[in-house]
């Protein structure tokens, strides 16, 4: 009997590994196949990012999956999947939104639609199930209230024009957070991913006034008082604030005149050695428990936009939902436009903005 059961499980594992799982698939079968594999190897999903630790702890406790992660950038993850192929050392990765379609186009992913698929907004998922944003990031301001007080605290991009404080955005030529900061400013000034000129103009004005900081906003630089207003992803800002010596000295807010909402998606390696464990991992990430794990790491879970109500003890640590009304999901118009614009942005930034700082 045990041999028949094992054969059945192995047969299920083979079948599940070669086809996309529909949302109504028997999850017990998937769980059994994942348990038979016994391990899940991830890339770019370290314990301290978006509280992945909570998810790995749960997957080990519930299904006995032994976990290992190697941290790397989104581009490195896609390159790794492509380079290793049949000798794959990674089963699943977490990449920035722009890299989901890139990985799919390279043919290094396999699809899986979790059972909560209908609760993921259409803009945040691939219709075939190759990628889906599990959590979002929205460009925010983190403000040092010890350095700025009352009406001096900016609540929208337009406020930055007339302030007397320095605005720190980071290195637009290398940091996705900084590049999205330019896009967010452009959106507030009636531009979009096809027209970054309004955002570039705002930062050009700040540079002319010697009020622009191009070092990356970090906990260390904030604690030293070097950052008055930082342009950051909301989850980074909240995490920074939580780790400060005096968290109440800082406020993290979404600019009310516009911002950009992007996010991160899991990609399942087409060549994964533990494909069912990878699919079960995605299933769990999109479950209520998995989504709340992400929220505990200050990330905004994607299903909070549709059906998931965050408990009060978690919600109190996040930015109120009403602040996100003017945040536009990426892509706004054309999925290919931001890829094109972001490639051109570093040169435009150097020629228009950096030159004003010299």
Protein backbone atom coordinates (compact mmCIF):
# COMPACT_ATOMS: atom_id res chain seq x y z
CA UNK A 1 0.00 0.00 0.00
CA UNK A 2 2.81 2.40 0.89
CA UNK A 3 4.48 1.65 -2.46
CA UNK A 4 1.23 2.37 -4.31
CA UNK A 5 0.81 5.64 -2.44
CA UNK A 6 4.39 6.67 -3.21
CA UNK A 7 3.94 5.80 -6.87
CA UNK A 8 0.73 7.84 -6.90
CA UNK A 9 2.47 10.83 -5.35
CA UNK A 10 5.39 10.63 -7.76
CA UNK A 11 2.99 10.33 -10.67
CA UNK A 12 1.14 13.40 -9.43
CA UNK A 13 4.42 15.27 -9.06
CA UNK A 14 5.38 14.54 -12.65
CA UNK A 15 1.96 15.53 -13.95
CA UNK A 16 1.85 18.72 -11.93
CA UNK A 17 5.34 19.76 -12.95
CA UNK A 18 4.54 19.79 -16.64
CA UNK A 19 1.32 21.78 -16.72
CA UNK A 20 -0.14 24.96 -15.31
CA UNK A 21 -2.41 24.46 -12.33
CA UNK A 22 -5.90 25.88 -12.63
CA UNK A 23 -7.36 27.66 -9.63
CA UNK A 24 -9.76 24.78 -8.87
CA UNK A 25 -7.06 22.07 -8.84
CA UNK A 26 -7.10 19.75 -5.85
CA UNK A 27 -4.69 21.51 -3.48
CA UNK A 28 -4.29 18.35 -1.42
CA UNK A 29 -2.69 16.70 -4.43
CA UNK A 30 -0.33 19.67 -4.88
CA UNK A 31 0.56 19.60 -1.18
CA UNK A 32 1.35 15.89 -1.34
CA UNK A 33 3.53 16.34 -4.42
CA UNK A 34 5.38 19.26 -2.78
CA UNK A 35 5.94 17.24 0.41
CA UNK A 36 7.40 14.43 -1.72
CA UNK A 37 9.90 16.92 -3.18
CA UNK A 38 10.73 18.11 0.34
CA UNK A 39 12.61 21.33 -0.44
CA UNK A 40 12.25 24.81 -1.93
CA UNK A 41 15.22 26.88 -3.12
CA UNK A 42 14.60 30.57 -3.70
CA UNK A 43 16.55 33.55 -5.01
CA UNK A 44 16.00 37.16 -4.03
CA UNK A 45 13.67 36.22 -1.15
CA UNK A 46 15.79 36.73 2.00
CA UNK A 47 14.28 36.54 5.48
CA UNK A 48 14.46 40.28 6.16
CA UNK A 49 12.81 41.48 2.93
CA UNK A 50 9.01 41.87 3.20
CA UNK A 51 9.07 39.32 6.04
CA UNK A 52 9.77 36.35 3.77
CA UNK A 53 10.99 34.69 6.96
CA UNK A 54 7.38 34.30 8.09
CA UNK A 55 6.45 32.48 4.90
CA UNK A 56 9.46 30.15 4.95
CA UNK A 57 8.82 29.31 8.61
CA UNK A 58 5.19 28.48 7.82
CA UNK A 59 6.05 26.34 4.77
CA UNK A 60 8.53 24.34 6.81
CA UNK A 61 6.10 23.87 9.70
CA UNK A 62 3.09 22.99 7.52
CA UNK A 63 4.68 20.95 4.74
CA UNK A 64 8.18 20.03 5.89
CA UNK A 65 9.85 21.98 3.08
CA UNK A 66 13.54 22.64 3.70
CA UNK A 67 14.34 26.17 2.48
CA UNK A 68 17.45 27.92 1.20
CA UNK A 69 17.73 31.41 -0.32
CA UNK A 70 20.43 33.19 -2.29
CA UNK A 71 19.88 36.94 -2.39
CA UNK A 72 20.40 38.68 -5.73
CA UNK A 73 18.93 41.37 -7.97
CA UNK A 74 15.99 40.85 -10.31
CA UNK A 75 18.21 40.88 -13.39
CA UNK A 76 20.56 38.34 -11.81
CA UNK A 77 17.65 36.04 -10.99
CA UNK A 78 16.39 35.96 -14.58
CA UNK A 79 19.94 35.44 -15.87
CA UNK A 80 20.43 32.56 -13.42
CA UNK A 81 17.27 30.79 -14.55
CA UNK A 82 18.39 31.17 -18.16
CA UNK A 83 22.00 30.09 -17.62
CA UNK A 84 21.46 27.02 -15.46
CA UNK A 85 18.54 25.39 -17.28
CA UNK A 86 18.58 21.61 -16.64
CA UNK A 87 21.05 22.08 -13.77
CA UNK A 88 18.77 24.54 -11.99
CA UNK A 89 19.66 25.41 -8.41
CA UNK A 90 16.68 27.78 -7.93
CA UNK A 91 12.98 26.94 -7.96
CA UNK A 92 11.41 30.35 -7.43
CA UNK A 93 12.43 34.01 -7.29
CA UNK A 94 10.96 37.41 -6.45
CA UNK A 95 11.55 40.16 -9.02
CA UNK A 96 10.45 43.72 -9.70
CA UNK A 97 7.28 44.06 -11.77
CA UNK A 98 9.13 44.92 -14.98
CA UNK A 99 11.08 41.67 -14.82
CA UNK A 100 8.04 39.36 -14.80
CA UNK A 101 7.30 39.93 -18.50
CA UNK A 102 11.04 39.90 -19.28
CA UNK A 103 11.47 36.47 -17.67
CA UNK A 104 8.37 35.17 -19.43
CA UNK A 105 9.58 36.44 -22.81
CA UNK A 106 12.91 34.68 -22.23
CA UNK A 107 11.03 31.44 -21.74
CA UNK A 108 12.47 30.66 -18.31
CA UNK A 109 9.20 30.58 -16.32
CA UNK A 110 6.32 28.17 -15.85
CA UNK A 111 2.77 29.27 -15.01
CA UNK A 112 0.73 28.66 -11.89
CA UNK A 113 -2.50 30.38 -10.90
CA UNK A 114 -3.18 30.19 -7.16
CA UNK A 115 -6.70 29.48 -5.94
CA UNK A 116 -7.13 33.19 -5.04
CA UNK A 117 -6.34 34.23 -8.63
CA UNK A 118 -9.65 36.06 -9.08
CA UNK A 119 -8.75 38.38 -6.18
CA UNK A 120 -5.58 39.61 -7.93
CA UNK A 121 -6.32 42.75 -10.03
CA UNK A 122 -5.94 42.25 -13.78
CA UNK A 123 -3.23 44.93 -14.01
CA UNK A 124 -1.11 42.99 -11.53
CA UNK A 125 -0.97 39.59 -13.24
CA UNK A 126 -0.09 37.75 -16.41
CA UNK A 127 -3.21 36.24 -17.97
CA UNK A 128 -1.44 32.89 -18.41
CA UNK A 129 -0.19 32.81 -14.82
CA UNK A 130 3.54 33.24 -15.44
CA UNK A 131 3.73 36.16 -13.00
CA UNK A 132 1.55 38.01 -10.52
CA UNK A 133 2.38 40.78 -8.08
CA UNK A 134 2.12 39.52 -4.50
CA UNK A 135 2.69 42.96 -3.01
CA UNK A 136 3.01 46.53 -4.18
CA UNK A 137 5.39 49.38 -3.61
CA UNK A 138 4.31 52.99 -4.05
CA UNK A 139 6.66 55.96 -4.13
CA UNK A 140 6.38 57.89 -0.87
CA UNK A 141 8.05 60.67 1.10
CA UNK A 142 9.81 59.96 4.37
CA UNK A 143 10.13 63.22 6.31
CA UNK A 144 12.28 64.01 9.33
CA UNK A 145 9.90 65.87 11.65
CA UNK A 146 12.77 67.04 13.85
CA UNK A 147 14.09 69.05 10.91
CA UNK A 148 10.75 70.06 9.39
CA UNK A 149 7.68 71.13 11.32
CA UNK A 150 3.98 71.64 10.69
CA UNK A 151 3.21 73.26 7.35
CA UNK A 152 6.84 72.80 6.24
CA UNK A 153 6.19 69.05 5.89
CA UNK A 154 5.40 68.37 2.21
CA UNK A 155 2.29 66.33 1.44
CA UNK A 156 2.50 66.57 -2.35
CA UNK A 157 5.11 67.00 -5.09
CA UNK A 158 4.00 70.58 -5.72
CA UNK A 159 5.08 71.45 -2.16
CA UNK A 160 8.68 70.55 -3.00
CA UNK A 161 9.00 73.48 -5.40
CA UNK A 162 8.64 76.11 -2.70
CA UNK A 163 10.30 74.44 0.26
CA UNK A 164 13.64 75.35 1.82
CA UNK A 165 14.67 71.78 2.62
CA UNK A 166 16.77 69.30 0.66
CA UNK A 167 15.05 66.47 -1.21
CA UNK A 168 17.04 63.23 -1.38
CA UNK A 169 16.12 60.83 -4.17
CA UNK A 170 19.21 58.67 -4.70
CA UNK A 171 21.03 57.71 -7.88
CA UNK A 172 18.53 57.68 -10.74
CA UNK A 173 21.08 56.03 -13.05
CA UNK A 174 21.34 52.86 -10.94
CA UNK A 175 18.45 52.64 -8.44
CA UNK A 176 14.97 51.53 -9.52
CA UNK A 177 13.51 53.32 -6.50
CA UNK A 178 15.00 56.64 -7.62
CA UNK A 179 13.95 56.16 -11.25
CA UNK A 180 10.40 55.45 -10.13
CA UNK A 181 10.60 58.62 -8.03
CA UNK A 182 11.04 60.61 -11.24
CA UNK A 183 8.11 58.77 -12.80
CA UNK A 184 5.94 59.46 -9.75
CA UNK A 185 6.75 63.17 -9.94
CA UNK A 186 5.95 63.15 -13.65
CA UNK A 187 2.55 61.56 -12.95
CA UNK A 188 1.76 64.27 -10.40
CA UNK A 189 2.66 66.91 -12.98
CA UNK A 190 0.35 65.38 -15.65
CA UNK A 191 3.02 63.22 -17.32
CA UNK A 192 3.32 59.44 -17.46
CA UNK A 193 5.78 56.74 -18.48
CA UNK A 194 5.77 58.05 -22.06
CA UNK A 195 6.52 61.61 -20.86
CA UNK A 196 8.95 62.01 -17.96
CA UNK A 197 9.68 65.66 -18.79
CA UNK A 198 7.49 67.13 -15.99
CA UNK A 199 9.27 65.01 -13.39
CA UNK A 200 12.70 65.84 -14.75
CA UNK A 201 11.80 69.54 -14.71
CA UNK A 202 10.88 69.39 -11.00
CA UNK A 203 14.21 67.85 -10.07
CA UNK A 204 16.06 70.24 -12.36
CA UNK A 205 14.55 73.14 -10.40
CA UNK A 206 15.59 71.52 -7.11
CA UNK A 207 19.12 71.06 -8.46
CA UNK A 208 19.30 74.72 -9.50
CA UNK A 209 18.29 75.70 -5.96
CA UNK A 210 20.98 73.36 -4.54
CA UNK A 211 18.23 71.44 -2.77
CA UNK A 212 18.70 68.03 -4.37
CA UNK A 213 20.43 65.07 -2.73
CA UNK A 214 21.51 62.19 -4.95
CA UNK A 215 22.78 59.89 -2.23
CA UNK A 216 20.43 56.99 -1.45
CA UNK A 217 18.19 57.66 1.56
CA UNK A 218 19.25 55.13 4.21
CA UNK A 219 18.71 54.60 7.91
CA UNK A 220 22.27 55.74 8.54
CA UNK A 221 21.98 58.99 6.58
CA UNK A 222 18.61 59.76 8.13
CA UNK A 223 19.84 59.14 11.66
CA UNK A 224 22.70 61.56 10.97
CA UNK A 225 20.19 64.25 9.97
CA UNK A 226 21.41 64.27 6.36
CA UNK A 227 17.94 63.58 4.91
CA UNK A 228 15.11 66.05 5.42
CA UNK A 229 12.76 64.62 2.78
CA UNK A 230 13.56 61.25 1.18
CA UNK A 231 11.90 59.74 -1.89
CA UNK A 232 11.45 56.01 -1.23
CA UNK A 233 9.20 53.00 -1.76
CA UNK A 234 6.52 53.03 0.95
CA UNK A 235 7.61 49.67 2.38
CA UNK A 236 11.22 50.85 2.59
CA UNK A 237 10.16 54.07 4.30
CA UNK A 238 8.05 52.18 6.84
CA UNK A 239 10.83 49.69 7.51
CA UNK A 240 13.38 52.49 7.94
CA UNK A 241 11.07 54.33 10.33
CA UNK A 242 10.49 51.20 12.43
CA UNK A 243 14.23 50.71 12.85
CA UNK A 244 15.03 54.30 13.81
CA UNK A 245 16.17 55.14 17.33
CA UNK A 246 13.16 57.47 17.58
CA UNK A 247 10.54 56.30 15.05
CA UNK A 248 8.12 59.09 16.00
CA UNK A 249 10.57 61.63 14.57
CA UNK A 250 9.58 60.46 11.05
CA UNK A 251 6.44 60.36 8.94
CA UNK A 252 5.96 58.28 5.76
CA UNK A 253 3.25 59.47 3.39
CA UNK A 254 2.06 59.10 -0.21
CA UNK A 255 2.11 62.44 -2.09
CA UNK A 256 -1.51 63.41 -2.65
CA UNK A 257 -1.09 64.83 -6.15
CA UNK A 258 0.15 61.57 -7.66
CA UNK A 259 2.52 58.65 -7.39
CA UNK A 260 3.34 55.37 -9.07
CA UNK A 261 2.42 51.96 -7.78
CA UNK A 262 4.55 49.03 -8.84
CA UNK A 263 5.43 45.81 -7.07
CA UNK A 264 7.16 42.47 -6.96
CA UNK A 265 6.22 39.15 -8.48
CA UNK A 266 7.31 35.59 -7.92
CA UNK A 267 8.60 33.75 -10.97
CA UNK A 268 8.69 29.94 -10.98
CA UNK A 269 11.69 28.50 -12.76
CA UNK A 270 10.73 26.52 -15.88
CA UNK A 271 13.58 24.13 -15.01
CA UNK A 272 12.84 23.92 -11.25
CA UNK A 273 13.90 20.70 -9.52
CA UNK A 274 11.09 21.23 -7.01
CA UNK A 275 8.31 22.59 -9.24
CA UNK A 276 5.41 21.55 -7.02
CA UNK A 277 7.04 23.05 -3.95
CA UNK A 278 7.45 26.27 -5.97
CA UNK A 279 3.77 26.23 -6.97
CA UNK A 280 2.72 25.52 -3.40
CA UNK A 281 4.91 28.42 -2.27
CA UNK A 282 3.10 30.77 -4.65
CA UNK A 283 -0.23 29.32 -3.50
CA UNK A 284 0.68 30.09 0.10
CA UNK A 285 2.00 33.59 -0.69
CA UNK A 286 -1.41 34.50 -2.15
CA UNK A 287 -3.37 32.92 0.70
CA UNK A 288 -4.69 35.05 3.56
CA UNK A 289 -1.84 33.86 5.79
CA UNK A 290 0.84 34.53 3.18
CA UNK A 291 -0.51 37.97 2.36
CA UNK A 292 -0.57 38.92 6.04
CA UNK A 293 3.04 37.74 6.39
CA UNK A 294 4.02 40.26 3.71
CA UNK A 295 2.04 43.00 5.46
CA UNK A 296 3.93 42.27 8.67
CA UNK A 297 7.04 43.16 6.67
CA UNK A 298 5.52 46.56 5.75
CA UNK A 299 4.74 45.46 2.20
CA UNK A 300 1.20 46.15 0.94
CA UNK A 301 -0.31 42.79 -0.05
CA UNK A 302 -1.99 42.80 -3.44
CA UNK A 303 -5.24 41.29 -2.19
CA UNK A 304 -5.67 44.22 0.22
CA UNK A 305 -6.84 46.04 -2.92
CA UNK A 306 -9.71 43.62 -3.42
CA UNK A 307 -10.99 41.22 -0.76
CA UNK A 308 -8.47 41.03 2.09
CA UNK A 309 -9.10 43.10 5.21
CA UNK A 310 -5.97 43.70 7.24
CA UNK A 311 -6.26 43.16 11.00
CA UNK A 312 -6.02 46.35 13.06
CA UNK A 313 -2.68 45.37 14.62
CA UNK A 314 -1.12 45.11 11.15
CA UNK A 315 -2.98 47.96 9.45
CA UNK A 316 -1.87 50.45 12.08
CA UNK A 317 1.73 50.04 10.91
CA UNK A 318 0.90 50.70 7.26
CA UNK A 319 -0.07 53.89 5.42
CA UNK A 320 -3.88 54.43 5.33
CA UNK A 321 -5.52 53.17 2.13
CA UNK A 322 -7.04 56.57 1.33
CA UNK A 323 -3.57 58.00 0.70
CA UNK A 324 -3.19 55.72 -2.34
CA UNK A 325 -6.10 57.17 -4.32
CA UNK A 326 -3.86 59.22 -6.66
CA UNK A 327 -1.26 56.45 -7.11
CA UNK A 328 -1.31 55.06 -10.65
CA UNK A 329 -0.50 51.37 -11.20
CA UNK A 330 2.33 50.62 -13.60
CA UNK A 331 1.95 50.34 -16.56
CA UNK A 332 -0.27 53.38 -16.99
CA UNK A 333 -0.55 53.28 -20.78
CA UNK A 334 1.89 50.98 -22.55
CA UNK A 335 3.70 48.03 -20.88
CA UNK A 336 6.74 48.63 -23.08
CA UNK A 337 6.87 52.38 -22.55
CA UNK A 338 8.47 52.38 -19.10
CA UNK A 339 11.16 49.97 -20.23
CA UNK A 340 12.01 52.38 -23.05
CA UNK A 341 11.76 55.53 -20.92
CA UNK A 342 13.75 54.10 -18.02
CA UNK A 343 16.62 53.17 -20.34
CA UNK A 344 16.78 56.74 -21.62
CA UNK A 345 16.36 58.29 -18.17
CA UNK A 346 19.99 58.09 -16.89
CA UNK A 347 21.33 60.15 -19.78
CA UNK A 348 18.47 62.65 -19.51
CA UNK A 349 19.07 62.91 -15.76
CA UNK A 350 22.78 63.61 -16.23
CA UNK A 351 22.22 66.15 -19.02
CA UNK A 352 19.34 68.04 -17.40
CA UNK A 353 19.66 67.60 -13.63
CA UNK A 354 23.20 66.66 -12.62
CA UNK A 355 24.68 69.40 -14.79
CA UNK A 356 22.81 71.94 -12.61
CA UNK A 357 24.52 70.63 -9.48
CA UNK A 358 28.04 71.29 -10.76
